[in-house]
Amino acid sequence: MKITTAVLIILLILFFVLPVLSEYASVPSGIAPQDIGEFLGGVLRYWFIVLGKVFHSIFAPAPISTI
């Protein structure tokens, strides 16, 4: 149970810290709804871009020269 909790906490930290480090999301300066919304929007935008690139690289057709 302790390992699962530690892994979950690490995953949550990565989920929110990676977008901040890559400057897609800025840390909210207050608890105003506008600030929280901009932060969560940046986090979601980051993960949509990452997942889009991952799926594109998996499902993109191979160039003819490599076949």
PDB file of N, CA and C in Angstrom:
ATOM      1  N   MET A   1       0.826  -1.196   0.000  1.00  0.00           N
ATOM      2  CA  MET A   1       0.000   0.000   0.000  1.00  0.00           C
ATOM      3  C   MET A   1       0.867   1.256   0.000  1.00  0.00           C
ATOM      4  N   LYS A   2       1.981   1.224   0.708  1.00  0.00           N
ATOM      5  CA  LYS A   2       2.832   2.404   0.771  1.00  0.00           C
ATOM      6  C   LYS A   2       3.500   2.684  -0.568  1.00  0.00           C
ATOM      7  N   ILE A   3       3.877   1.638  -1.289  1.00  0.00           N
ATOM      8  CA  ILE A   3       4.528   1.829  -2.587  1.00  0.00           C
ATOM      9  C   ILE A   3       3.527   2.418  -3.571  1.00  0.00           C
ATOM     10  N   THR A   4       2.309   1.934  -3.549  1.00  0.00           N
ATOM     11  CA  THR A   4       1.276   2.451  -4.442  1.00  0.00           C
ATOM     12  C   THR A   4       1.015   3.925  -4.169  1.00  0.00           C
ATOM     13  N   THR A   5       0.971   4.298  -2.924  1.00  0.00           N
ATOM     14  CA  THR A   5       0.751   5.698  -2.562  1.00  0.00           C
ATOM     15  C   THR A   5       1.902   6.561  -3.031  1.00  0.00           C
ATOM     16  N   ALA A   6       3.127   6.101  -2.860  1.00  0.00           N
ATOM     17  CA  ALA A   6       4.298   6.856  -3.294  1.00  0.00           C
ATOM     18  C   ALA A   6       4.301   7.021  -4.815  1.00  0.00           C
ATOM     19  N   VAL A   7       3.977   5.970  -5.530  1.00  0.00           N
ATOM     20  CA  VAL A   7       3.934   6.045  -6.996  1.00  0.00           C
ATOM     21  C   VAL A   7       2.849   7.014  -7.442  1.00  0.00           C
ATOM     22  N   LEU A   8       1.693   6.973  -6.821  1.00  0.00           N
ATOM     23  CA  LEU A   8       0.606   7.881  -7.162  1.00  0.00           C
ATOM     24  C   LEU A   8       1.005   9.339  -6.920  1.00  0.00           C
ATOM     25  N   ILE A   9       1.653   9.606  -5.819  1.00  0.00           N
ATOM     26  CA  ILE A   9       2.092  10.969  -5.517  1.00  0.00           C
ATOM     27  C   ILE A   9       3.121  11.440  -6.532  1.00  0.00           C
ATOM     28  N   ILE A  10       4.052  10.579  -6.902  1.00  0.00           N
ATOM     29  CA  ILE A  10       5.065  10.939  -7.897  1.00  0.00           C
ATOM     30  C   ILE A  10       4.415  11.223  -9.253  1.00  0.00           C
ATOM     31  N   LEU A  11       3.448  10.406  -9.646  1.00  0.00           N
ATOM     32  CA  LEU A  11       2.761  10.632 -10.914  1.00  0.00           C
ATOM     33  C   LEU A  11       1.971  11.942 -10.914  1.00  0.00           C
ATOM     34  N   LEU A  12       1.338  12.252  -9.804  1.00  0.00           N
ATOM     35  CA  LEU A  12       0.607  13.522  -9.711  1.00  0.00           C
ATOM     36  C   LEU A  12       1.559  14.713  -9.781  1.00  0.00           C
ATOM     37  N   ILE A  13       2.693  14.591  -9.109  1.00  0.00           N
ATOM     38  CA  ILE A  13       3.685  15.671  -9.165  1.00  0.00           C
ATOM     39  C   ILE A  13       4.164  15.861 -10.597  1.00  0.00           C
ATOM     40  N   LEU A  14       4.486  14.762 -11.279  1.00  0.00           N
ATOM     41  CA  LEU A  14       4.934  14.866 -12.673  1.00  0.00           C
ATOM     42  C   LEU A  14       3.853  15.445 -13.568  1.00  0.00           C
ATOM     43  N   PHE A  15       2.600  15.068 -13.321  1.00  0.00           N
ATOM     44  CA  PHE A  15       1.494  15.559 -14.135  1.00  0.00           C
ATOM     45  C   PHE A  15       1.399  17.079 -14.087  1.00  0.00           C
ATOM     46  N   PHE A  16       1.665  17.670 -12.933  1.00  0.00           N
ATOM     47  CA  PHE A  16       1.532  19.115 -12.798  1.00  0.00           C
ATOM     48  C   PHE A  16       2.856  19.867 -12.963  1.00  0.00           C
ATOM     49  N   VAL A  17       3.992  19.232 -12.678  1.00  0.00           N
ATOM     50  CA  VAL A  17       5.270  19.945 -12.723  1.00  0.00           C
ATOM     51  C   VAL A  17       5.849  19.999 -14.138  1.00  0.00           C
ATOM     52  N   LEU A  18       5.694  18.940 -14.925  1.00  0.00           N
ATOM     53  CA  LEU A  18       6.253  18.954 -16.281  1.00  0.00           C
ATOM     54  C   LEU A  18       5.715  20.111 -17.131  1.00  0.00           C
ATOM     55  N   PRO A  19       4.411  20.401 -17.115  1.00  0.00           N
ATOM     56  CA  PRO A  19       3.941  21.559 -17.883  1.00  0.00           C
ATOM     57  C   PRO A  19       4.503  22.888 -17.370  1.00  0.00           C
ATOM     58  N   VAL A  20       4.720  22.988 -16.072  1.00  0.00           N
ATOM     59  CA  VAL A  20       5.281  24.224 -15.519  1.00  0.00           C
ATOM     60  C   VAL A  20       6.736  24.370 -15.949  1.00  0.00           C
ATOM     61  N   LEU A  21       7.497  23.279 -15.894  1.00  0.00           N
ATOM     62  CA  LEU A  21       8.906  23.339 -16.291  1.00  0.00           C
ATOM     63  C   LEU A  21       9.075  23.624 -17.779  1.00  0.00           C
ATOM     64  N   SER A  22       8.147  23.162 -18.585  1.00  0.00           N
ATOM     65  CA  SER A  22       8.222  23.407 -20.025  1.00  0.00           C
ATOM     66  C   SER A  22       7.562  24.728 -20.416  1.00  0.00           C
ATOM     67  N   GLU A  23       7.077  25.473 -19.439  1.00  0.00           N
ATOM     68  CA  GLU A  23       6.497  26.813 -19.594  1.00  0.00           C
ATOM     69  C   GLU A  23       5.191  26.833 -20.387  1.00  0.00           C
ATOM     70  N   TYR A  24       4.466  25.720 -20.396  1.00  0.00           N
ATOM     71  CA  TYR A  24       3.121  25.731 -20.968  1.00  0.00           C
ATOM     72  C   TYR A  24       2.119  26.230 -19.941  1.00  0.00           C
ATOM     73  N   ALA A  25       2.405  26.035 -18.674  1.00  0.00           N
ATOM     74  CA  ALA A  25       1.522  26.495 -17.603  1.00  0.00           C
ATOM     75  C   ALA A  25       2.352  27.308 -16.617  1.00  0.00           C
ATOM     76  N   SER A  26       1.785  28.392 -16.152  1.00  0.00           N
ATOM     77  CA  SER A  26       2.468  29.187 -15.143  1.00  0.00           C
ATOM     78  C   SER A  26       1.814  28.923 -13.788  1.00  0.00           C
ATOM     79  N   VAL A  27       2.624  28.973 -12.756  1.00  0.00           N
ATOM     80  CA  VAL A  27       2.122  28.725 -11.406  1.00  0.00           C
ATOM     81  C   VAL A  27       1.145  29.846 -11.052  1.00  0.00           C
ATOM     82  N   PRO A  28      -0.040  29.503 -10.566  1.00  0.00           N
ATOM     83  CA  PRO A  28      -1.025  30.548 -10.246  1.00  0.00           C
ATOM     84  C   PRO A  28      -0.501  31.481  -9.154  1.00  0.00           C
ATOM     85  N   SER A  29      -0.732  32.774  -9.356  1.00  0.00           N
ATOM     86  CA  SER A  29      -0.274  33.760  -8.373  1.00  0.00           C
ATOM     87  C   SER A  29      -1.259  33.912  -7.223  1.00  0.00           C
ATOM     88  N   GLY A  30      -2.448  33.391  -7.376  1.00  0.00           N
ATOM     89  CA  GLY A  30      -3.457  33.465  -6.328  1.00  0.00           C
ATOM     90  C   GLY A  30      -4.457  32.337  -6.496  1.00  0.00           C
ATOM     91  N   ILE A  31      -5.525  32.408  -5.703  1.00  0.00           N
ATOM     92  CA  ILE A  31      -6.537  31.357  -5.794  1.00  0.00           C
ATOM     93  C   ILE A  31      -7.781  31.837  -6.537  1.00  0.00           C
ATOM     94  N   ALA A  32      -7.602  32.895  -7.310  1.00  0.00           N
ATOM     95  CA  ALA A  32      -8.723  33.398  -8.106  1.00  0.00           C
ATOM     96  C   ALA A  32      -9.071  32.378  -9.193  1.00  0.00           C
ATOM     97  N   PRO A  33     -10.345  32.264  -9.527  1.00  0.00           N
ATOM     98  CA  PRO A  33     -10.741  31.303 -10.559  1.00  0.00           C
ATOM     99  C   PRO A  33     -10.014  31.514 -11.884  1.00  0.00           C
ATOM    100  N   GLN A  34      -9.730  32.765 -12.239  1.00  0.00           N
ATOM    101  CA  GLN A  34      -9.018  33.052 -13.491  1.00  0.00           C
ATOM    102  C   GLN A  34      -7.614  32.451 -13.457  1.00  0.00           C
ATOM    103  N   ASP A  35      -6.917  32.597 -12.340  1.00  0.00           N
ATOM    104  CA  ASP A  35      -5.560  32.059 -12.211  1.00  0.00           C
ATOM    105  C   ASP A  35      -5.556  30.532 -12.253  1.00  0.00           C
ATOM    106  N   ILE A  36      -6.481  29.926 -11.540  1.00  0.00           N
ATOM    107  CA  ILE A  36      -6.566  28.461 -11.519  1.00  0.00           C
ATOM    108  C   ILE A  36      -6.937  27.936 -12.909  1.00  0.00           C
ATOM    109  N   GLY A  37      -7.844  28.626 -13.579  1.00  0.00           N
ATOM    110  CA  GLY A  37      -8.255  28.216 -14.916  1.00  0.00           C
ATOM    111  C   GLY A  37      -7.117  28.299 -15.923  1.00  0.00           C
ATOM    112  N   GLU A  38      -6.312  29.359 -15.843  1.00  0.00           N
ATOM    113  CA  GLU A  38      -5.175  29.484 -16.745  1.00  0.00           C
ATOM    114  C   GLU A  38      -4.142  28.387 -16.473  1.00  0.00           C
ATOM    115  N   PHE A  39      -3.931  28.057 -15.208  1.00  0.00           N
ATOM    116  CA  PHE A  39      -2.988  26.997 -14.865  1.00  0.00           C
ATOM    117  C   PHE A  39      -3.474  25.652 -15.389  1.00  0.00           C
ATOM    118  N   LEU A  40      -4.716  25.301 -15.108  1.00  0.00           N
ATOM    119  CA  LEU A  40      -5.248  24.014 -15.567  1.00  0.00           C
ATOM    120  C   LEU A  40      -5.336  23.955 -17.091  1.00  0.00           C
ATOM    121  N   GLY A  41      -5.639  25.086 -17.728  1.00  0.00           N
ATOM    122  CA  GLY A  41      -5.652  25.128 -19.184  1.00  0.00           C
ATOM    123  C   GLY A  41      -4.274  24.872 -19.769  1.00  0.00           C
ATOM    124  N   GLY A  42      -3.246  25.430 -19.148  1.00  0.00           N
ATOM    125  CA  GLY A  42      -1.878  25.187 -19.601  1.00  0.00           C
ATOM    126  C   GLY A  42      -1.463  23.744 -19.402  1.00  0.00           C
ATOM    127  N   VAL A  43      -1.871  23.154 -18.277  1.00  0.00           N
ATOM    128  CA  VAL A  43      -1.552  21.750 -18.012  1.00  0.00           C
ATOM    129  C   VAL A  43      -2.223  20.857 -19.047  1.00  0.00           C
ATOM    130  N   LEU A  44      -3.498  21.081 -19.303  1.00  0.00           N
ATOM    131  CA  LEU A  44      -4.213  20.265 -20.291  1.00  0.00           C
ATOM    132  C   LEU A  44      -3.663  20.472 -21.700  1.00  0.00           C
ATOM    133  N   ARG A  45      -3.322  21.713 -22.039  1.00  0.00           N
ATOM    134  CA  ARG A  45      -2.754  21.985 -23.358  1.00  0.00           C
ATOM    135  C   ARG A  45      -1.444  21.212 -23.537  1.00  0.00           C
ATOM    136  N   TYR A  46      -0.614  21.203 -22.508  1.00  0.00           N
ATOM    137  CA  TYR A  46       0.655  20.471 -22.565  1.00  0.00           C
ATOM    138  C   TYR A  46       0.418  18.984 -22.814  1.00  0.00           C
ATOM    139  N   TRP A  47      -0.486  18.377 -22.050  1.00  0.00           N
ATOM    140  CA  TRP A  47      -0.704  16.938 -22.199  1.00  0.00           C
ATOM    141  C   TRP A  47      -1.389  16.591 -23.515  1.00  0.00           C
ATOM    142  N   PHE A  48      -2.243  17.465 -24.041  1.00  0.00           N
ATOM    143  CA  PHE A  48      -2.829  17.215 -25.364  1.00  0.00           C
ATOM    144  C   PHE A  48      -1.744  17.231 -26.436  1.00  0.00           C
ATOM    145  N   ILE A  49      -0.814  18.169 -26.334  1.00  0.00           N
ATOM    146  CA  ILE A  49       0.277  18.242 -27.307  1.00  0.00           C
ATOM    147  C   ILE A  49       1.165  17.014 -27.202  1.00  0.00           C
ATOM    148  N   VAL A  50       1.534  16.617 -25.983  1.00  0.00           N
ATOM    149  CA  VAL A  50       2.392  15.449 -25.784  1.00  0.00           C
ATOM    150  C   VAL A  50       1.716  14.194 -26.321  1.00  0.00           C
ATOM    151  N   LEU A  51       0.465  13.983 -25.950  1.00  0.00           N
ATOM    152  CA  LEU A  51      -0.238  12.788 -26.426  1.00  0.00           C
ATOM    153  C   LEU A  51      -0.433  12.808 -27.937  1.00  0.00           C
ATOM    154  N   GLY A  52      -0.673  13.978 -28.502  1.00  0.00           N
ATOM    155  CA  GLY A  52      -0.802  14.089 -29.946  1.00  0.00           C
ATOM    156  C   GLY A  52       0.481  13.692 -30.654  1.00  0.00           C
ATOM    157  N   LYS A  53       1.621  14.150 -30.125  1.00  0.00           N
ATOM    158  CA  LYS A  53       2.905  13.791 -30.733  1.00  0.00           C
ATOM    159  C   LYS A  53       3.213  12.309 -30.565  1.00  0.00           C
ATOM    160  N   VAL A  54       2.876  11.752 -29.416  1.00  0.00           N
ATOM    161  CA  VAL A  54       3.119  10.328 -29.186  1.00  0.00           C
ATOM    162  C   VAL A  54       2.282   9.486 -30.147  1.00  0.00           C
ATOM    163  N   PHE A  55       0.995   9.787 -30.252  1.00  0.00           N
ATOM    164  CA  PHE A  55       0.131   9.015 -31.144  1.00  0.00           C
ATOM    165  C   PHE A  55       0.506   9.222 -32.607  1.00  0.00           C
ATOM    166  N   HIS A  56       0.931  10.427 -32.947  1.00  0.00           N
ATOM    167  CA  HIS A  56       1.346  10.668 -34.322  1.00  0.00           C
ATOM    168  C   HIS A  56       2.590   9.853 -34.667  1.00  0.00           C
ATOM    169  N   SER A  57       3.525   9.778 -33.735  1.00  0.00           N
ATOM    170  CA  SER A  57       4.742   9.008 -34.014  1.00  0.00           C
ATOM    171  C   SER A  57       4.461   7.506 -34.052  1.00  0.00           C
ATOM    172  N   ILE A  58       3.449   7.058 -33.332  1.00  0.00           N
ATOM    173  CA  ILE A  58       3.113   5.629 -33.348  1.00  0.00           C
ATOM    174  C   ILE A  58       2.353   5.260 -34.612  1.00  0.00           C
ATOM    175  N   PHE A  59       1.369   6.064 -34.984  1.00  0.00           N
ATOM    176  CA  PHE A  59       0.472   5.701 -36.074  1.00  0.00           C
ATOM    177  C   PHE A  59       0.788   6.362 -37.409  1.00  0.00           C
ATOM    178  N   ALA A  60       1.832   7.178 -37.475  1.00  0.00           N
ATOM    179  CA  ALA A  60       2.180   7.813 -38.742  1.00  0.00           C
ATOM    180  C   ALA A  60       2.749   6.757 -39.695  1.00  0.00           C
ATOM    181  N   PRO A  61       2.399   6.857 -40.956  1.00  0.00           N
ATOM    182  CA  PRO A  61       2.945   5.880 -41.908  1.00  0.00           C
ATOM    183  C   PRO A  61       4.446   6.089 -42.078  1.00  0.00           C
ATOM    184  N   ALA A  62       5.160   5.019 -42.291  1.00  0.00           N
ATOM    185  CA  ALA A  62       6.609   5.083 -42.476  1.00  0.00           C
ATOM    186  C   ALA A  62       6.917   5.694 -43.839  1.00  0.00           C
ATOM    187  N   PRO A  63       7.987   6.473 -43.920  1.00  0.00           N
ATOM    188  CA  PRO A  63       8.380   7.001 -45.236  1.00  0.00           C
ATOM    189  C   PRO A  63       8.721   5.855 -46.190  1.00  0.00           C
ATOM    190  N   ILE A  64       8.474   6.068 -47.448  1.00  0.00           N
ATOM    191  CA  ILE A  64       8.704   5.025 -48.447  1.00  0.00           C
ATOM    192  C   ILE A  64      10.174   4.635 -48.521  1.00  0.00           C
ATOM    193  N   SER A  65      11.075   5.578 -48.261  1.00  0.00           N
ATOM    194  CA  SER A  65      12.504   5.289 -48.378  1.00  0.00           C
ATOM    195  C   SER A  65      12.982   4.296 -47.308  1.00  0.00           C
ATOM    196  N   THR A  66      12.262   4.151 -46.214  1.00  0.00           N
ATOM    197  CA  THR A  66      12.691   3.221 -45.160  1.00  0.00           C
ATOM    198  C   THR A  66      12.057   1.852 -45.299  1.00  0.00           C
ATOM    199  N   ILE A  67      11.130   1.704 -46.230  1.00  0.00           N
ATOM    200  CA  ILE A  67      10.463   0.397 -46.396  1.00  0.00           C
ATOM    201  C   ILE A  67      11.304  -0.522 -47.249  1.00  0.00           C
TER     202      ILE A  67
END
